[in-house]
Amino acid sequence: MHKGSCLCGAVRFEVAGALPNPVACHCTRCRKFSGHIEASTDVPKASVVIEGEDKVTWFVSSEKVRRGFCAICGASLFFDPLFRDWIGISMGAFDGSTGTRLAQHIFVADKGDYYEIADGLPQNAQ
């Protein structure tokens, strides 16, 4: 069981089972949503329990995706593809160790000009 929360604690979540290795997304939307790059792990929706879900505000960023953040503290928490059975959870929201390692970088063609990616992990332009 992995637990996490937003900054203020109004939204808490639990994920049953092991977490897949996260992916770092450098697309413009993820950078704007998170304030830098967005690293998340994709888990089955059925394995997630959210407490304080009434404090989650959902922003529909495209016809296929909505992004969830805490309405009180503004913490970026969820990436929810509407027509899929999984949800992305921001790695920074987990409490304690996750037992994961970053797997790859995606949308690097959109990355900011103020940093370099030099960790040797796979990079996908889109």
N, C-alpha and C. Protein backbone atom coordinates (compact mmCIF):
# COMPACT_ATOMS: atom_id res chain seq x y z
N MET A 1 0.85 -1.18 0.00
CA MET A 1 0.00 0.00 0.00
C MET A 1 0.89 1.24 0.00
N HIS A 2 0.63 2.15 -0.91
CA HIS A 2 1.36 3.42 -0.98
C HIS A 2 0.37 4.54 -0.69
N LYS A 3 0.79 5.46 0.17
CA LYS A 3 -0.06 6.57 0.57
C LYS A 3 0.56 7.89 0.15
N GLY A 4 -0.30 8.89 0.00
CA GLY A 4 0.17 10.22 -0.35
C GLY A 4 -0.90 11.25 -0.08
N SER A 5 -0.54 12.51 -0.34
CA SER A 5 -1.49 13.59 -0.10
C SER A 5 -1.04 14.85 -0.83
N CYS A 6 -1.90 15.82 -0.80
CA CYS A 6 -1.55 17.15 -1.28
C CYS A 6 -0.75 17.85 -0.19
N LEU A 7 -0.33 19.06 -0.44
CA LEU A 7 0.48 19.81 0.51
C LEU A 7 -0.25 20.08 1.82
N CYS A 8 -1.52 20.42 1.76
CA CYS A 8 -2.26 20.77 2.98
C CYS A 8 -2.92 19.57 3.65
N GLY A 9 -2.98 18.43 2.97
CA GLY A 9 -3.58 17.23 3.56
C GLY A 9 -5.07 17.09 3.35
N ALA A 10 -5.69 18.02 2.65
CA ALA A 10 -7.14 17.93 2.41
C ALA A 10 -7.48 16.78 1.48
N VAL A 11 -6.55 16.43 0.59
CA VAL A 11 -6.74 15.30 -0.33
C VAL A 11 -5.69 14.26 0.02
N ARG A 12 -6.14 13.05 0.32
CA ARG A 12 -5.24 11.94 0.63
C ARG A 12 -5.60 10.79 -0.30
N PHE A 13 -4.64 9.95 -0.60
CA PHE A 13 -4.92 8.80 -1.46
C PHE A 13 -4.10 7.60 -1.03
N GLU A 14 -4.58 6.44 -1.42
CA GLU A 14 -3.88 5.17 -1.21
C GLU A 14 -3.91 4.40 -2.51
N VAL A 15 -2.79 3.74 -2.81
CA VAL A 15 -2.70 2.90 -4.00
C VAL A 15 -2.32 1.50 -3.55
N ALA A 16 -3.15 0.52 -3.90
CA ALA A 16 -2.86 -0.87 -3.58
C ALA A 16 -1.91 -1.45 -4.62
N GLY A 17 -0.92 -2.20 -4.16
CA GLY A 17 -0.01 -2.87 -5.07
C GLY A 17 1.24 -2.07 -5.36
N ALA A 18 2.12 -2.69 -6.11
CA ALA A 18 3.39 -2.06 -6.49
C ALA A 18 3.14 -0.93 -7.48
N LEU A 19 4.00 0.08 -7.42
CA LEU A 19 3.91 1.20 -8.35
C LEU A 19 4.80 0.95 -9.55
N PRO A 20 4.29 1.15 -10.75
CA PRO A 20 5.15 1.09 -11.94
C PRO A 20 6.17 2.22 -11.90
N ASN A 21 7.31 2.02 -12.56
CA ASN A 21 8.30 3.08 -12.64
C ASN A 21 7.71 4.30 -13.32
N PRO A 22 7.97 5.48 -12.78
CA PRO A 22 7.39 6.71 -13.32
C PRO A 22 8.06 7.16 -14.62
N VAL A 23 7.36 8.05 -15.29
CA VAL A 23 7.82 8.69 -16.52
C VAL A 23 7.83 10.19 -16.28
N ALA A 24 8.84 10.87 -16.79
CA ALA A 24 8.92 12.32 -16.69
C ALA A 24 8.44 12.93 -18.00
N CYS A 25 7.43 13.77 -17.91
CA CYS A 25 6.87 14.40 -19.10
C CYS A 25 7.31 15.86 -19.17
N HIS A 26 7.80 16.25 -20.33
CA HIS A 26 8.32 17.60 -20.54
C HIS A 26 7.40 18.43 -21.46
N CYS A 27 6.19 17.94 -21.73
CA CYS A 27 5.30 18.68 -22.63
C CYS A 27 4.89 20.00 -21.99
N THR A 28 4.47 20.92 -22.82
CA THR A 28 4.10 22.25 -22.35
C THR A 28 2.98 22.19 -21.32
N ARG A 29 1.98 21.37 -21.52
CA ARG A 29 0.85 21.30 -20.59
C ARG A 29 1.29 20.78 -19.22
N CYS A 30 2.10 19.73 -19.21
CA CYS A 30 2.57 19.19 -17.92
C CYS A 30 3.48 20.19 -17.21
N ARG A 31 4.33 20.88 -17.97
CA ARG A 31 5.21 21.88 -17.35
C ARG A 31 4.40 23.02 -16.75
N LYS A 32 3.37 23.46 -17.45
CA LYS A 32 2.54 24.53 -16.91
C LYS A 32 1.72 24.07 -15.70
N PHE A 33 1.23 22.82 -15.74
CA PHE A 33 0.43 22.30 -14.65
C PHE A 33 1.25 22.10 -13.38
N SER A 34 2.49 21.62 -13.55
CA SER A 34 3.30 21.28 -12.38
C SER A 34 4.28 22.37 -11.97
N GLY A 35 4.59 23.27 -12.89
CA GLY A 35 5.58 24.30 -12.61
C GLY A 35 6.98 23.93 -13.07
N HIS A 36 7.16 22.73 -13.58
CA HIS A 36 8.46 22.27 -14.13
C HIS A 36 8.13 21.04 -14.97
N ILE A 37 8.86 19.96 -14.82
CA ILE A 37 8.48 18.72 -15.50
C ILE A 37 7.52 17.97 -14.57
N GLU A 38 6.79 17.04 -15.12
CA GLU A 38 5.83 16.29 -14.32
C GLU A 38 6.23 14.82 -14.36
N ALA A 39 6.53 14.26 -13.20
CA ALA A 39 6.86 12.84 -13.10
C ALA A 39 5.69 12.14 -12.41
N SER A 40 5.18 11.10 -13.06
CA SER A 40 4.04 10.39 -12.48
C SER A 40 4.12 8.90 -12.78
N THR A 41 3.37 8.16 -12.00
CA THR A 41 3.24 6.72 -12.21
C THR A 41 1.79 6.44 -12.59
N ASP A 42 1.59 5.54 -13.53
CA ASP A 42 0.25 5.21 -14.01
C ASP A 42 -0.22 3.92 -13.34
N VAL A 43 -1.33 4.01 -12.62
CA VAL A 43 -1.85 2.86 -11.88
C VAL A 43 -3.31 2.61 -12.28
N PRO A 44 -3.78 1.38 -12.11
CA PRO A 44 -5.19 1.11 -12.41
C PRO A 44 -6.10 1.96 -11.51
N LYS A 45 -7.12 2.55 -12.10
CA LYS A 45 -8.05 3.37 -11.32
C LYS A 45 -8.67 2.56 -10.18
N ALA A 46 -8.89 1.28 -10.40
CA ALA A 46 -9.51 0.43 -9.38
C ALA A 46 -8.61 0.25 -8.16
N SER A 47 -7.31 0.53 -8.28
CA SER A 47 -6.39 0.35 -7.16
C SER A 47 -6.23 1.61 -6.31
N VAL A 48 -6.92 2.70 -6.67
CA VAL A 48 -6.75 3.98 -5.99
C VAL A 48 -7.99 4.32 -5.17
N VAL A 49 -7.76 4.73 -3.93
CA VAL A 49 -8.82 5.26 -3.07
C VAL A 49 -8.43 6.70 -2.74
N ILE A 50 -9.35 7.63 -2.99
CA ILE A 50 -9.08 9.05 -2.73
C ILE A 50 -10.00 9.52 -1.60
N GLU A 51 -9.40 10.05 -0.55
CA GLU A 51 -10.15 10.68 0.53
C GLU A 51 -10.10 12.19 0.30
N GLY A 52 -11.20 12.87 0.54
CA GLY A 52 -11.26 14.30 0.28
C GLY A 52 -11.43 14.61 -1.19
N GLU A 53 -12.04 13.68 -1.91
CA GLU A 53 -12.22 13.85 -3.35
C GLU A 53 -13.03 15.11 -3.68
N ASP A 54 -13.85 15.55 -2.75
CA ASP A 54 -14.61 16.78 -2.97
C ASP A 54 -13.72 18.02 -2.98
N LYS A 55 -12.47 17.87 -2.54
CA LYS A 55 -11.50 18.96 -2.57
C LYS A 55 -10.62 18.93 -3.82
N VAL A 56 -10.83 17.92 -4.67
CA VAL A 56 -10.09 17.85 -5.93
C VAL A 56 -10.84 18.65 -6.98
N THR A 57 -10.14 19.58 -7.61
CA THR A 57 -10.70 20.33 -8.74
C THR A 57 -10.12 19.72 -10.00
N TRP A 58 -10.98 19.46 -10.96
CA TRP A 58 -10.55 18.85 -12.22
C TRP A 58 -10.55 19.89 -13.32
N PHE A 59 -9.41 20.02 -13.97
CA PHE A 59 -9.27 20.90 -15.13
C PHE A 59 -9.21 20.02 -16.37
N VAL A 60 -10.14 20.22 -17.29
CA VAL A 60 -10.17 19.45 -18.53
C VAL A 60 -9.21 20.13 -19.49
N SER A 61 -8.02 19.52 -19.68
CA SER A 61 -6.98 20.14 -20.49
C SER A 61 -7.05 19.75 -21.96
N SER A 62 -7.87 18.76 -22.28
CA SER A 62 -8.13 18.38 -23.66
C SER A 62 -9.42 17.54 -23.66
N GLU A 63 -9.85 17.15 -24.85
CA GLU A 63 -11.07 16.34 -24.92
C GLU A 63 -10.86 14.93 -24.37
N LYS A 64 -9.59 14.56 -24.11
CA LYS A 64 -9.29 13.21 -23.65
C LYS A 64 -8.75 13.14 -22.22
N VAL A 65 -8.34 14.28 -21.65
CA VAL A 65 -7.63 14.26 -20.37
C VAL A 65 -8.14 15.35 -19.44
N ARG A 66 -8.21 15.00 -18.16
CA ARG A 66 -8.43 15.99 -17.13
C ARG A 66 -7.31 15.87 -16.10
N ARG A 67 -7.01 16.98 -15.44
CA ARG A 67 -5.91 17.03 -14.47
C ARG A 67 -6.49 17.48 -13.14
N GLY A 68 -6.14 16.75 -12.08
CA GLY A 68 -6.70 17.03 -10.76
C GLY A 68 -5.70 17.69 -9.84
N PHE A 69 -6.18 18.72 -9.13
CA PHE A 69 -5.34 19.40 -8.16
C PHE A 69 -6.18 19.75 -6.93
N CYS A 70 -5.51 19.98 -5.81
CA CYS A 70 -6.21 20.32 -4.58
C CYS A 70 -6.76 21.74 -4.70
N ALA A 71 -8.05 21.88 -4.41
CA ALA A 71 -8.71 23.19 -4.49
C ALA A 71 -8.25 24.13 -3.39
N ILE A 72 -7.63 23.59 -2.34
CA ILE A 72 -7.21 24.43 -1.22
C ILE A 72 -5.76 24.89 -1.37
N CYS A 73 -4.84 23.95 -1.56
CA CYS A 73 -3.41 24.33 -1.63
C CYS A 73 -2.86 24.39 -3.05
N GLY A 74 -3.60 23.87 -4.03
CA GLY A 74 -3.19 23.93 -5.42
C GLY A 74 -2.23 22.84 -5.87
N ALA A 75 -1.93 21.87 -5.01
CA ALA A 75 -0.99 20.81 -5.36
C ALA A 75 -1.47 20.01 -6.57
N SER A 76 -0.57 19.79 -7.53
CA SER A 76 -0.86 18.97 -8.71
C SER A 76 -0.83 17.51 -8.28
N LEU A 77 -1.89 16.76 -8.58
CA LEU A 77 -1.99 15.40 -8.07
C LEU A 77 -2.22 14.33 -9.14
N PHE A 78 -3.18 14.56 -10.04
CA PHE A 78 -3.64 13.49 -10.91
C PHE A 78 -3.66 13.88 -12.39
N PHE A 79 -3.39 12.90 -13.24
CA PHE A 79 -3.52 13.00 -14.69
C PHE A 79 -4.49 11.89 -15.08
N ASP A 80 -5.70 12.24 -15.48
CA ASP A 80 -6.75 11.26 -15.70
C ASP A 80 -7.19 11.23 -17.16
N PRO A 81 -6.68 10.24 -17.94
CA PRO A 81 -7.18 10.07 -19.31
C PRO A 81 -8.60 9.49 -19.24
N LEU A 82 -9.56 10.23 -19.73
CA LEU A 82 -10.97 9.92 -19.49
C LEU A 82 -11.43 8.57 -20.03
N PHE A 83 -10.80 8.08 -21.07
CA PHE A 83 -11.28 6.86 -21.70
C PHE A 83 -10.34 5.68 -21.46
N ARG A 84 -9.59 5.73 -20.37
CA ARG A 84 -8.65 4.67 -20.01
C ARG A 84 -9.00 4.14 -18.62
N ASP A 85 -8.44 2.98 -18.28
CA ASP A 85 -8.71 2.39 -16.97
C ASP A 85 -7.60 2.68 -15.97
N TRP A 86 -6.70 3.63 -16.28
CA TRP A 86 -5.60 3.99 -15.39
C TRP A 86 -5.61 5.49 -15.12
N ILE A 87 -4.90 5.88 -14.07
CA ILE A 87 -4.75 7.28 -13.71
C ILE A 87 -3.29 7.53 -13.34
N GLY A 88 -2.76 8.67 -13.73
CA GLY A 88 -1.40 9.05 -13.36
C GLY A 88 -1.42 9.80 -12.05
N ILE A 89 -0.50 9.45 -11.16
CA ILE A 89 -0.40 10.13 -9.86
C ILE A 89 0.99 10.76 -9.77
N SER A 90 1.03 12.03 -9.43
CA SER A 90 2.29 12.76 -9.33
C SER A 90 3.19 12.15 -8.27
N MET A 91 4.43 11.88 -8.63
CA MET A 91 5.36 11.22 -7.72
C MET A 91 5.64 12.05 -6.48
N GLY A 92 5.67 13.36 -6.61
CA GLY A 92 5.94 14.21 -5.46
C GLY A 92 4.87 14.19 -4.40
N ALA A 93 3.69 13.64 -4.71
CA ALA A 93 2.60 13.60 -3.74
C ALA A 93 2.66 12.37 -2.82
N PHE A 94 3.51 11.40 -3.16
CA PHE A 94 3.59 10.19 -2.32
C PHE A 94 4.34 10.48 -1.03
N ASP A 95 3.91 9.83 0.04
CA ASP A 95 4.59 9.91 1.33
C ASP A 95 5.64 8.81 1.38
N GLY A 96 6.84 9.14 1.74
CA GLY A 96 7.88 8.14 1.93
C GLY A 96 8.37 7.52 0.63
N SER A 97 9.05 6.40 0.78
CA SER A 97 9.67 5.71 -0.34
C SER A 97 8.61 5.06 -1.24
N THR A 98 8.86 5.13 -2.56
CA THR A 98 7.94 4.51 -3.51
C THR A 98 8.49 3.21 -4.08
N GLY A 99 9.78 2.97 -3.91
CA GLY A 99 10.39 1.77 -4.48
C GLY A 99 10.49 1.80 -5.99
N THR A 100 10.47 2.98 -6.58
CA THR A 100 10.51 3.12 -8.04
C THR A 100 11.75 3.88 -8.48
N ARG A 101 11.98 3.85 -9.78
CA ARG A 101 13.04 4.63 -10.42
C ARG A 101 12.48 5.20 -11.71
N LEU A 102 12.85 6.41 -12.04
CA LEU A 102 12.40 7.02 -13.28
C LEU A 102 12.77 6.13 -14.46
N ALA A 103 11.81 5.89 -15.35
CA ALA A 103 12.01 4.97 -16.48
C ALA A 103 12.44 5.68 -17.76
N GLN A 104 11.84 6.84 -18.03
CA GLN A 104 12.13 7.52 -19.29
C GLN A 104 11.59 8.95 -19.26
N HIS A 105 11.95 9.70 -20.29
CA HIS A 105 11.48 11.07 -20.50
C HIS A 105 10.65 11.08 -21.77
N ILE A 106 9.50 11.78 -21.73
CA ILE A 106 8.66 11.90 -22.92
C ILE A 106 8.42 13.38 -23.24
N PHE A 107 8.07 13.62 -24.49
CA PHE A 107 7.81 14.97 -25.01
C PHE A 107 9.01 15.90 -24.79
N VAL A 108 10.20 15.35 -24.97
CA VAL A 108 11.41 16.16 -24.77
C VAL A 108 11.56 17.24 -25.84
N ALA A 109 10.89 17.11 -26.95
CA ALA A 109 10.93 18.17 -27.97
C ALA A 109 10.32 19.46 -27.43
N ASP A 110 9.49 19.36 -26.39
CA ASP A 110 8.82 20.52 -25.81
C ASP A 110 9.50 21.02 -24.53
N LYS A 111 10.59 20.42 -24.13
CA LYS A 111 11.20 20.75 -22.84
C LYS A 111 11.62 22.21 -22.77
N GLY A 112 11.75 22.70 -21.57
CA GLY A 112 12.20 24.07 -21.36
C GLY A 112 13.66 24.24 -21.75
N ASP A 113 14.03 25.47 -22.08
CA ASP A 113 15.40 25.74 -22.49
C ASP A 113 16.33 25.98 -21.31
N TYR A 114 15.82 25.97 -20.11
CA TYR A 114 16.59 26.31 -18.91
C TYR A 114 17.20 25.10 -18.20
N TYR A 115 17.05 23.91 -18.76
CA TYR A 115 17.62 22.72 -18.13
C TYR A 115 18.03 21.71 -19.20
N GLU A 116 18.89 20.79 -18.79
CA GLU A 116 19.33 19.69 -19.64
C GLU A 116 18.87 18.37 -19.04
N ILE A 117 18.69 17.39 -19.89
CA ILE A 117 18.38 16.04 -19.43
C ILE A 117 19.66 15.23 -19.61
N ALA A 118 20.28 14.87 -18.51
CA ALA A 118 21.60 14.24 -18.60
C ALA A 118 21.69 12.97 -17.75
N ASP A 119 20.56 12.29 -17.54
CA ASP A 119 20.59 11.11 -16.67
C ASP A 119 20.78 9.81 -17.44
N GLY A 120 20.87 9.88 -18.76
CA GLY A 120 21.11 8.69 -19.57
C GLY A 120 19.89 7.82 -19.82
N LEU A 121 18.73 8.22 -19.34
CA LEU A 121 17.50 7.45 -19.57
C LEU A 121 16.99 7.68 -20.98
N PRO A 122 16.17 6.75 -21.49
CA PRO A 122 15.58 6.94 -22.81
C PRO A 122 14.79 8.24 -22.90
N GLN A 123 14.84 8.87 -24.06
CA GLN A 123 14.12 10.11 -24.32
C GLN A 123 13.30 9.96 -25.59
N ASN A 124 12.02 10.27 -25.49
CA ASN A 124 11.14 10.25 -26.65
C ASN A 124 10.75 11.68 -27.00
N ALA A 125 10.91 12.03 -28.28
CA ALA A 125 10.58 13.39 -28.71
C ALA A 125 9.13 13.73 -28.43
N GLN A 126 8.22 12.78 -28.64
CA GLN A 126 6.80 12.98 -28.39
C GLN A 126 6.23 11.86 -27.58
